[in-house]
Each structure stands twice: as structure tokens, then as C-alpha cells.
Amino acid sequence: MQIGKQLQQQRKKHNMSQEDLAKKMHISRQSISKWENGTSLPTFANVVVIGELFDISLDELIKGDEALMNKFEETTPKMNKAMEILLFGIGIAMVAFVFSSSIFNISESTLENWLFLPILVSFFCFIFSIKWQNIDKITNKWTVILGVIWLALVMWPNIYSFIEGFTREMNTLNG
């Protein structure tokens, strides 16, 4: 069965209009209409969202739609932005490590002191650059949980060090 007919059946089964489904998917109603009448095909990301919304497997959703399966087979996978950021960041960190440790002989504690403020500033700049209105399209429950754990682990030593240094300075000023 074609994805458009499958989508229309699932939408009606769940008492949803095209507008309702479009709002849940954060896309236009016209996109839903085009998919249902077969004039265009959804992206893989949209097929995944449809499967999650209607609680059906991707196999069940796209099986029998040769045009959609061919579209997915033809698209060559390319590196997404998150992977580019991750690999570029690791590369910069490795180069910086080589320079700081072997060439300039900077100790770890000195490096941590120098980097605390740039890390904090870059983190907040990163947070403010995210388009939060689209965040629900790219995250799921596990992404959020793992992100919170990662953030807590990254920030924990820095916060601990900052508070410890602050209280130590306050004690020396007061005592």
C-alpha cells in the first residue's frame, strides 16, 4: 500500500484532520495533502514521526510503497551537522592538547583555570543559538535524558571548582 493511502487511513482511524496532523508534525497541511494524494513523498524523518505518532512500525508503514522505498535507497547518507560538530570539536581538542601539553608545557590545573570562562561563554552562546521552537522535531525522551546526564557530568567539576574557589576566597577575606 502506498504511504499516502496508509497515512490517510491512520489519520482517519485516529480521528485527525490533515490540519491536526500537520500541527503535530510542525509542517504545513499542504504537505500532508500532497503525501496523501501521491504528488510528493515524505522524508525519512517525517516517516519516522508518522510511525511514532500512530504507533506503527516503519516496516508496516512503508512496506509496499516502492516509490518511497526507492527514494530512501537513492538518497546517499551524508554526515549530519551534529556529527560534523562532534568530529570537528574532537579534532580541535586533540590539536590543542598536543600544543598545550608538549609544546607549551601547560599543566592541567592551569589549563582548567584558563578554560573555565571560555567554556561557560561558549556553552551559553551555543544554547542561545538553538532554534528551540524546532527542538521537539529532533529530540526524543532518551535524547533529553542523555543530554541532561552529559551536561551534568561536564558541568559538575567546573561548578565544584568555582564554588570551592569562591568559598576559599570568602574565607580568606573574612578570616
Protein backbone atom coordinates (compact mmCIF):
# COMPACT_ATOMS: atom_id res chain seq x y z
CA MET A 1 0.00 0.00 0.00
CA GLN A 2 1.27 3.46 -0.82
CA ILE A 3 2.38 5.71 2.03
CA GLY A 4 -0.30 8.29 1.14
CA LYS A 5 -3.15 5.82 1.49
CA GLN A 6 -1.60 4.36 4.64
CA LEU A 7 -1.25 7.85 6.11
CA GLN A 8 -4.82 8.76 5.26
CA GLN A 9 -6.16 5.54 6.84
CA GLN A 10 -4.14 6.05 10.03
CA ARG A 11 -5.13 9.71 10.25
CA LYS A 12 -8.83 8.90 9.91
CA LYS A 13 -8.53 5.95 12.28
CA HIS A 14 -7.20 8.38 14.92
CA ASN A 15 -9.93 10.97 14.13
CA MET A 16 -7.44 13.56 12.92
CA SER A 17 -7.82 16.12 10.17
CA GLN A 18 -4.94 16.95 7.86
CA GLU A 19 -4.58 20.20 9.81
CA ASP A 20 -4.37 18.34 13.14
CA LEU A 21 -1.68 16.01 11.84
CA ALA A 22 0.25 18.90 10.26
CA LYS A 23 0.27 20.77 13.59
CA LYS A 24 1.56 17.71 15.44
CA MET A 25 4.32 17.28 12.86
CA HIS A 26 5.11 21.03 12.65
CA ILE A 27 4.60 21.11 8.90
CA SER A 28 2.00 22.57 6.53
CA ARG A 29 -1.37 20.98 5.86
CA GLN A 30 -0.49 21.12 2.16
CA SER A 31 2.40 18.69 2.76
CA ILE A 32 0.01 16.16 4.29
CA SER A 33 -2.38 16.64 1.36
CA LYS A 34 0.42 16.14 -1.20
CA TRP A 35 1.55 12.95 0.53
CA GLU A 36 -1.99 11.57 0.67
CA ASN A 37 -2.76 12.29 -2.98
CA GLY A 38 0.64 10.98 -4.09
CA THR A 39 2.09 14.17 -5.60
CA SER A 40 5.06 14.08 -3.21
CA LEU A 41 6.69 11.76 -0.73
CA PRO A 42 7.61 12.45 2.90
CA THR A 43 11.24 12.50 4.00
CA PHE A 44 12.56 9.65 6.09
CA ALA A 45 12.45 11.86 9.19
CA ASN A 46 8.76 12.57 8.55
CA VAL A 47 8.04 8.86 8.03
CA VAL A 48 9.64 8.18 11.43
CA VAL A 49 7.47 10.87 13.04
CA ILE A 50 4.34 9.43 11.40
CA GLY A 51 5.24 5.98 12.72
CA GLU A 52 5.71 7.35 16.23
CA LEU A 53 2.50 9.39 16.16
CA PHE A 54 0.37 6.46 15.05
CA ASP A 55 2.40 3.83 16.95
CA ILE A 56 3.09 1.67 13.90
CA SER A 57 6.38 0.23 12.71
CA LEU A 58 8.25 1.75 9.80
CA ASP A 59 8.12 -1.59 8.06
CA GLU A 60 4.33 -1.64 8.28
CA LEU A 61 4.13 2.00 7.20
CA ILE A 62 6.29 1.85 4.07
CA LYS A 63 6.01 -1.78 3.01
CA GLY A 64 4.53 -1.96 -0.46
CA ASP A 65 5.32 1.63 -1.41
CA GLU A 66 8.05 1.03 -3.99
CA ALA A 67 8.43 4.71 -4.86
CA LEU A 68 9.13 5.63 -1.24
CA MET A 69 11.49 2.69 -0.71
CA ASN A 70 13.38 3.66 -3.89
CA LYS A 71 13.59 7.24 -2.68
CA PHE A 72 15.17 6.09 0.59
CA GLU A 73 17.59 3.77 -1.22
CA GLU A 74 18.67 6.51 -3.66
CA THR A 75 19.47 9.08 -1.01
CA THR A 76 23.08 8.75 -0.08
CA PRO A 77 23.67 9.15 3.62
CA LYS A 78 25.74 12.17 4.47
CA MET A 79 27.13 13.36 7.73
CA ASN A 80 24.66 15.40 9.74
CA LYS A 81 25.55 18.66 11.44
CA ALA A 82 25.73 17.13 14.91
CA MET A 83 28.34 14.61 13.73
CA GLU A 84 30.31 17.36 11.99
CA ILE A 85 30.32 19.43 15.18
CA LEU A 86 31.37 16.43 17.26
CA LEU A 87 34.23 15.39 14.97
CA PHE A 88 35.44 18.95 14.45
CA GLY A 89 35.35 19.59 18.21
CA ILE A 90 37.29 16.42 18.99
CA GLY A 91 39.85 17.32 16.32
CA ILE A 92 40.37 20.80 17.75
CA ALA A 93 40.66 19.35 21.27
CA MET A 94 43.32 16.88 20.15
CA VAL A 95 45.38 19.56 18.39
CA ALA A 96 45.01 21.85 21.41
CA PHE A 97 46.11 19.02 23.71
CA VAL A 98 49.27 18.42 21.69
CA PHE A 99 50.16 22.12 21.66
CA SER A 100 49.34 22.76 25.31
CA SER A 101 51.00 19.68 26.78
CA SER A 102 54.05 19.02 24.67
CA ILE A 103 54.94 22.36 23.13
CA PHE A 104 53.92 24.88 25.80
CA ASN A 105 54.09 22.53 28.85
CA ILE A 106 50.85 23.86 30.34
CA SER A 107 49.64 21.90 33.37
CA GLU A 108 46.13 20.51 33.58
CA SER A 109 45.16 22.73 36.50
CA THR A 110 46.41 25.87 34.71
CA LEU A 111 44.51 24.83 31.60
CA GLU A 112 41.32 24.25 33.60
CA ASN A 113 41.62 27.71 35.14
CA TRP A 114 42.15 29.36 31.74
CA LEU A 115 39.32 27.49 30.05
CA PHE A 116 36.54 27.83 32.62
CA LEU A 117 35.23 31.18 31.36
CA PRO A 118 35.53 30.39 27.60
CA ILE A 119 33.74 27.07 28.20
CA LEU A 120 30.94 28.78 30.07
CA VAL A 121 30.56 31.57 27.49
CA SER A 122 30.65 29.18 24.51
CA PHE A 123 28.10 26.90 26.19
CA PHE A 124 25.62 29.74 26.71
CA CYS A 125 26.22 31.03 23.17
CA PHE A 126 25.52 27.52 21.88
CA ILE A 127 22.32 27.28 23.95
CA PHE A 128 21.07 30.66 22.70
CA SER A 129 21.82 29.75 19.06
CA ILE A 130 19.49 26.72 19.10
CA LYS A 131 16.10 27.17 17.44
CA TRP A 132 14.08 25.97 20.41
CA GLN A 133 10.75 26.06 18.57
CA ASN A 134 12.04 23.15 16.43
CA ILE A 135 13.67 21.15 19.23
CA ASP A 136 10.79 18.65 19.53
CA LYS A 137 11.43 17.55 15.92
CA ILE A 138 14.96 16.41 16.69
CA THR A 139 14.70 15.01 20.19
CA ASN A 140 13.04 12.14 21.91
CA LYS A 141 12.86 11.13 25.57
CA TRP A 142 16.24 9.36 25.56
CA THR A 143 17.98 12.25 23.81
CA VAL A 144 16.81 14.59 26.55
CA ILE A 145 17.78 12.20 29.36
CA LEU A 146 21.24 11.55 27.91
CA GLY A 147 21.73 15.26 27.23
CA VAL A 148 20.91 16.15 30.82
CA ILE A 149 23.27 13.47 32.15
CA TRP A 150 26.06 14.62 29.82
CA LEU A 151 25.58 18.27 30.74
CA ALA A 152 25.58 17.48 34.46
CA LEU A 153 28.78 15.43 34.15
CA VAL A 154 30.53 18.13 32.12
CA MET A 155 29.49 20.98 34.37
CA TRP A 156 29.88 19.21 37.75
CA PRO A 157 33.68 19.59 38.13
CA ASN A 158 33.55 23.17 36.88
CA ILE A 159 30.80 24.19 39.27
CA TYR A 160 32.51 22.36 42.12
CA SER A 161 35.80 24.12 41.38
CA PHE A 162 34.11 27.51 41.06
CA ILE A 163 32.20 27.19 44.35
CA GLU A 164 35.22 25.79 46.16
CA GLY A 165 37.40 28.69 44.95
CA PHE A 166 34.71 31.23 45.80
CA THR A 167 34.25 29.93 49.36
CA ARG A 168 38.01 29.71 49.86
CA GLU A 169 38.38 33.37 48.82
CA MET A 170 35.48 34.42 51.03
CA ASN A 171 37.06 32.61 53.99
CA THR A 172 40.41 34.32 53.44
CA LEU A 173 38.72 37.72 53.20
CA ASN A 174 36.65 37.15 56.33
CA GLY A 175 39.16 35.34 58.42
